[in-house]
């Protein structure tokens, strides 16, 4: 999974990116999270976001530290606009399909 929605200690939500090992969205409400996923234009990911919001997975303590660092920077890091939700972490062509077992 490339993105994971977690609930912060303040009750708001954050999106954690396993690709960059940091939170790319912080202090969002459920509607903002849905809008982010909806803007990507993929219904299956919107359903995934809704399911994750329902689970209310808590941000771990070390994650709260990363969120606070993003607040101090003034914004969270970005993955870049070319990175779709759900990517494996490998750009096309980076792995040789002949060597994948």
C-alpha atoms as a PDB file:
ATOM      1  CA  UNK A   1       0.000   0.000   0.000  1.00  0.00           C
ATOM      2  CA  UNK A   2       1.425   3.389  -0.932  1.00  0.00           C
ATOM      3  CA  UNK A   3      -0.931   5.584   1.145  1.00  0.00           C
ATOM      4  CA  UNK A   4      -2.431   4.906   4.563  1.00  0.00           C
ATOM      5  CA  UNK A   5      -5.022   7.085   6.320  1.00  0.00           C
ATOM      6  CA  UNK A   6      -4.479   7.454  10.065  1.00  0.00           C
ATOM      7  CA  UNK A   7      -6.280   9.437  12.741  1.00  0.00           C
ATOM      8  CA  UNK A   8      -4.127  11.971  14.578  1.00  0.00           C
ATOM      9  CA  UNK A   9      -4.254  12.532  18.330  1.00  0.00           C
ATOM     10  CA  UNK A  10      -6.208  15.770  17.685  1.00  0.00           C
ATOM     11  CA  UNK A  11      -8.997  13.768  15.970  1.00  0.00           C
ATOM     12  CA  UNK A  12      -8.115  14.893  12.450  1.00  0.00           C
ATOM     13  CA  UNK A  13      -6.699  12.652   9.732  1.00  0.00           C
ATOM     14  CA  UNK A  14      -3.325  12.295   8.049  1.00  0.00           C
ATOM     15  CA  UNK A  15      -2.225  10.417   4.932  1.00  0.00           C
ATOM     16  CA  UNK A  16       1.009   8.486   5.369  1.00  0.00           C
ATOM     17  CA  UNK A  17       3.067   7.682   2.283  1.00  0.00           C
ATOM     18  CA  UNK A  18       5.077   4.473   2.478  1.00  0.00           C
ATOM     19  CA  UNK A  19       6.976   5.696  -0.590  1.00  0.00           C
ATOM     20  CA  UNK A  20       8.563   8.660   1.218  1.00  0.00           C
ATOM     21  CA  UNK A  21       8.089   7.397   4.799  1.00  0.00           C
ATOM     22  CA  UNK A  22       6.312  10.579   5.896  1.00  0.00           C
ATOM     23  CA  UNK A  23       2.875  12.184   6.084  1.00  0.00           C
ATOM     24  CA  UNK A  24       1.862  13.959   2.872  1.00  0.00           C
ATOM     25  CA  UNK A  25      -1.431  15.320   4.280  1.00  0.00           C
ATOM     26  CA  UNK A  26      -1.978  16.414   7.879  1.00  0.00           C
ATOM     27  CA  UNK A  27      -4.791  17.962   9.927  1.00  0.00           C
ATOM     28  CA  UNK A  28      -7.534  17.015   7.437  1.00  0.00           C
ATOM     29  CA  UNK A  29     -11.138  16.146   8.157  1.00  0.00           C
ATOM     30  CA  UNK A  30     -12.911  13.171   6.566  1.00  0.00           C
ATOM     31  CA  UNK A  31     -14.420  15.304   3.805  1.00  0.00           C
ATOM     32  CA  UNK A  32     -11.000  16.675   2.832  1.00  0.00           C
ATOM     33  CA  UNK A  33      -9.565  13.144   2.683  1.00  0.00           C
ATOM     34  CA  UNK A  34     -12.439  12.033   0.452  1.00  0.00           C
ATOM     35  CA  UNK A  35     -11.870  15.056  -1.801  1.00  0.00           C
ATOM     36  CA  UNK A  36      -8.162  14.233  -2.151  1.00  0.00           C
ATOM     37  CA  UNK A  37      -8.961  10.666  -3.183  1.00  0.00           C
ATOM     38  CA  UNK A  38     -11.838  11.794  -5.382  1.00  0.00           C
ATOM     39  CA  UNK A  39      -9.598  14.286  -7.185  1.00  0.00           C
ATOM     40  CA  UNK A  40      -7.407  11.373  -8.242  1.00  0.00           C
ATOM     41  CA  UNK A  41     -10.467  10.214 -10.179  1.00  0.00           C
ATOM     42  CA  UNK A  42     -10.435   6.547  -9.193  1.00  0.00           C
ATOM     43  CA  UNK A  43     -13.614   5.281  -7.512  1.00  0.00           C
ATOM     44  CA  UNK A  44     -11.973   2.190  -6.028  1.00  0.00           C
ATOM     45  CA  UNK A  45      -9.555   4.404  -4.099  1.00  0.00           C
ATOM     46  CA  UNK A  46     -12.404   6.570  -2.835  1.00  0.00           C
ATOM     47  CA  UNK A  47     -14.051   3.424  -1.456  1.00  0.00           C
ATOM     48  CA  UNK A  48     -10.712   2.457   0.110  1.00  0.00           C
ATOM     49  CA  UNK A  49     -10.402   5.895   1.710  1.00  0.00           C
ATOM     50  CA  UNK A  50     -13.896   5.649   3.190  1.00  0.00           C
ATOM     51  CA  UNK A  51     -13.117   2.200   4.604  1.00  0.00           C
ATOM     52  CA  UNK A  52      -9.854   3.445   6.129  1.00  0.00           C
ATOM     53  CA  UNK A  53     -11.590   6.483   7.651  1.00  0.00           C
ATOM     54  CA  UNK A  54     -14.107   4.148   9.295  1.00  0.00           C
ATOM     55  CA  UNK A  55     -11.290   2.071  10.837  1.00  0.00           C
ATOM     56  CA  UNK A  56      -9.748   5.182  12.429  1.00  0.00           C
ATOM     57  CA  UNK A  57      -6.226   3.739  12.540  1.00  0.00           C
ATOM     58  CA  UNK A  58      -4.257   5.860  15.024  1.00  0.00           C
ATOM     59  CA  UNK A  59      -1.107   7.736  14.062  1.00  0.00           C
ATOM     60  CA  UNK A  60       1.791   6.160  16.014  1.00  0.00           C
ATOM     61  CA  UNK A  61       3.873   8.364  18.349  1.00  0.00           C
ATOM     62  CA  UNK A  62       6.745   8.655  15.855  1.00  0.00           C
ATOM     63  CA  UNK A  63       4.200   9.665  13.224  1.00  0.00           C
ATOM     64  CA  UNK A  64       2.923  12.477  15.432  1.00  0.00           C
ATOM     65  CA  UNK A  65       6.537  13.738  15.561  1.00  0.00           C
ATOM     66  CA  UNK A  66       6.689  13.778  11.741  1.00  0.00           C
ATOM     67  CA  UNK A  67       3.363  15.624  11.613  1.00  0.00           C
ATOM     68  CA  UNK A  68       4.655  18.236  14.051  1.00  0.00           C
ATOM     69  CA  UNK A  69       7.789  18.654  11.909  1.00  0.00           C
ATOM     70  CA  UNK A  70       5.537  19.254   8.875  1.00  0.00           C
ATOM     71  CA  UNK A  71       3.610  21.895  10.819  1.00  0.00           C
ATOM     72  CA  UNK A  72       6.865  23.669  11.648  1.00  0.00           C
ATOM     73  CA  UNK A  73       7.968  23.508   7.974  1.00  0.00           C
ATOM     74  CA  UNK A  74       4.619  24.964   6.980  1.00  0.00           C
ATOM     75  CA  UNK A  75       3.589  22.028   4.782  1.00  0.00           C
ATOM     76  CA  UNK A  76       4.047  18.280   4.500  1.00  0.00           C
ATOM     77  CA  UNK A  77       6.398  16.776   1.897  1.00  0.00           C
ATOM     78  CA  UNK A  78       4.927  15.736  -1.441  1.00  0.00           C
ATOM     79  CA  UNK A  79       5.310  12.665  -3.575  1.00  0.00           C
ATOM     80  CA  UNK A  80       4.935  14.727  -6.709  1.00  0.00           C
ATOM     81  CA  UNK A  81       1.989  15.003  -9.109  1.00  0.00           C
ATOM     82  CA  UNK A  82       3.160  12.123 -11.295  1.00  0.00           C
ATOM     83  CA  UNK A  83       2.808   9.526  -8.509  1.00  0.00           C
ATOM     84  CA  UNK A  84      -0.583   7.777  -8.650  1.00  0.00           C
ATOM     85  CA  UNK A  85      -2.240   6.357  -5.550  1.00  0.00           C
ATOM     86  CA  UNK A  86      -1.524   2.675  -5.015  1.00  0.00           C
ATOM     87  CA  UNK A  87       1.827   2.507  -6.763  1.00  0.00           C
ATOM     88  CA  UNK A  88       4.247  -0.202  -5.732  1.00  0.00           C
ATOM     89  CA  UNK A  89       7.180   2.128  -5.210  1.00  0.00           C
ATOM     90  CA  UNK A  90       8.813   1.087  -8.478  1.00  0.00           C
ATOM     91  CA  UNK A  91       8.523   3.341 -11.544  1.00  0.00           C
ATOM     92  CA  UNK A  92       7.701   1.557 -14.777  1.00  0.00           C
ATOM     93  CA  UNK A  93      10.905   0.188 -16.249  1.00  0.00           C
ATOM     94  CA  UNK A  94      12.776   0.206 -12.939  1.00  0.00           C
ATOM     95  CA  UNK A  95      12.321  -3.527 -12.453  1.00  0.00           C
ATOM     96  CA  UNK A  96      13.092  -6.191 -15.011  1.00  0.00           C
ATOM     97  CA  UNK A  97       9.973  -8.381 -15.437  1.00  0.00           C
ATOM     98  CA  UNK A  98      12.203 -11.274 -16.509  1.00  0.00           C
ATOM     99  CA  UNK A  99      13.874 -11.275 -13.069  1.00  0.00           C
ATOM    100  CA  UNK A 100      10.698 -10.984 -10.980  1.00  0.00           C
ATOM    101  CA  UNK A 101       9.918 -14.290  -9.317  1.00  0.00           C
END
